[in-house]
Amino acid sequence: MDDLPSAVNQADMVSCQTSSATPIVYGEWLKPGTHTDFVGSHDADKRECDDEVARQSRIWVDVMESAMREAGDILIPLKQNIITPAQIIGDLHDLASCRVMGRN
């Protein structure tokens, strides 16, 4: 797409895998219910989404231990009190074992 904001606004699912140090997807672009997936940032000081994406989200991580160590998309908004730990619903093991339910 030539127009990223428009493409994101039309999408039901947005997936990013970049090494961006700064956000490239913004919450104002997302329509309600959009599934987002940010897998590229593996550094505590890098992120692919802005604060508004984090604020709007029910957050799932791949592995809780590593996410709490290296996922800047989560750690930065946590540190700045943009989100709370309660917004981190669980990890893939929790979801796959039905310990925590996904979307209804």
Protein backbone atom coordinates (compact mmCIF):
# COMPACT_ATOMS: atom_id res chain seq x y z
CA MET A 1 0.00 0.00 0.00
CA ASP A 2 1.12 3.50 -0.71
CA ASP A 3 -1.00 5.02 2.09
CA LEU A 4 -0.28 3.25 5.38
CA PRO A 5 -2.86 5.13 7.50
CA SER A 6 -5.63 4.31 5.02
CA ALA A 7 -4.55 0.67 4.72
CA VAL A 8 -4.48 0.25 8.50
CA ASN A 9 -7.89 1.92 8.82
CA GLN A 10 -9.40 -0.59 6.37
CA ALA A 11 -7.75 -3.68 7.86
CA ASP A 12 -9.29 -6.21 10.21
CA MET A 13 -5.79 -7.39 11.12
CA VAL A 14 -2.49 -5.49 11.22
CA SER A 15 0.76 -7.40 11.61
CA CYS A 16 4.19 -5.81 11.88
CA GLN A 17 7.61 -7.37 11.92
CA THR A 18 10.14 -4.57 11.70
CA SER A 19 13.17 -3.38 13.60
CA SER A 20 11.69 0.10 14.02
CA ALA A 21 12.81 2.05 17.07
CA THR A 22 9.74 4.30 16.89
CA PRO A 23 6.04 3.63 16.28
CA ILE A 24 4.87 2.99 12.74
CA VAL A 25 1.23 2.13 13.59
CA TYR A 26 -0.98 4.61 15.43
CA GLY A 27 -4.13 3.99 17.42
CA GLU A 28 -6.01 6.76 15.63
CA TRP A 29 -5.72 4.71 12.42
CA LEU A 30 -7.34 1.56 13.85
CA LYS A 31 -11.02 0.76 13.63
CA PRO A 32 -12.59 -0.91 16.69
CA GLY A 33 -11.97 -4.64 16.93
CA THR A 34 -8.88 -4.70 14.73
CA HIS A 35 -6.45 -7.47 15.65
CA THR A 36 -2.89 -6.16 15.89
CA ASP A 37 0.27 -8.20 16.02
CA PHE A 38 3.64 -6.58 16.74
CA VAL A 39 6.44 -9.11 16.65
CA GLY A 40 9.48 -7.21 15.45
CA SER A 41 10.58 -5.22 18.46
CA HIS A 42 12.77 -7.37 20.67
CA ASP A 43 14.33 -4.52 22.61
CA ALA A 44 12.92 -2.82 25.67
CA ASP A 45 13.49 0.61 24.10
CA LYS A 46 11.98 -0.07 20.63
CA ARG A 47 8.39 -0.23 19.53
CA GLU A 48 6.18 -0.59 16.48
CA CYS A 49 2.94 0.85 17.93
CA ASP A 50 2.12 4.08 19.71
CA ASP A 51 0.64 4.61 23.17
CA GLU A 52 -2.92 4.76 21.84
CA VAL A 53 -2.67 1.28 20.31
CA ALA A 54 -1.49 -0.04 23.67
CA ARG A 55 -4.17 1.90 25.56
CA GLN A 56 -6.96 0.44 23.36
CA SER A 57 -5.72 -3.14 23.55
CA ARG A 58 -6.30 -6.35 25.40
CA ILE A 59 -2.70 -7.53 25.27
CA TRP A 60 -1.51 -11.07 24.64
CA VAL A 61 2.16 -11.99 24.47
CA ASP A 62 3.98 -15.03 23.13
CA VAL A 63 5.89 -15.88 26.33
CA MET A 64 5.24 -13.76 29.44
CA GLU A 65 8.77 -13.98 30.85
CA SER A 66 10.54 -12.80 27.70
CA ALA A 67 7.88 -10.18 26.87
CA MET A 68 8.33 -8.56 30.28
CA ARG A 69 12.04 -8.37 29.58
CA GLU A 70 12.23 -7.28 25.94
CA ALA A 71 8.90 -6.12 24.43
CA GLY A 72 9.20 -2.35 24.13
CA ASP A 73 5.66 -2.15 22.73
CA ILE A 74 4.51 -3.21 26.21
CA LEU A 75 7.33 -2.11 28.51
CA ILE A 76 7.42 1.54 27.41
CA PRO A 77 3.69 2.20 27.96
CA LEU A 78 3.82 0.25 31.25
CA LYS A 79 6.70 2.39 32.49
CA GLN A 80 4.86 5.57 31.49
CA ASN A 81 1.59 4.41 33.13
CA ILE A 82 -0.20 4.44 29.78
CA ILE A 83 -1.32 0.86 30.41
CA THR A 84 -1.53 -1.31 33.50
CA PRO A 85 -0.40 -4.90 34.00
CA ALA A 86 -4.09 -5.89 34.06
CA GLN A 87 -4.27 -5.20 30.30
CA ILE A 88 -1.80 -8.02 29.70
CA ILE A 89 -4.33 -10.83 29.55
CA GLY A 90 -1.94 -13.75 29.15
CA ASP A 91 0.44 -15.56 26.86
CA LEU A 92 0.05 -18.20 24.17
CA HIS A 93 0.28 -21.02 26.70
CA ASP A 94 -2.59 -19.48 28.68
CA LEU A 95 -4.66 -19.16 25.52
CA ALA A 96 -3.92 -22.64 24.14
CA SER A 97 -4.60 -24.32 27.48
CA CYS A 98 -7.84 -22.30 27.94
CA ARG A 99 -6.58 -20.91 31.26
CA VAL A 100 -7.56 -17.52 29.87
CA MET A 101 -10.22 -17.08 27.24
CA GLY A 102 -9.64 -15.08 24.06
CA ARG A 103 -12.36 -13.21 22.25
CA ASN A 104 -15.93 -14.27 22.94
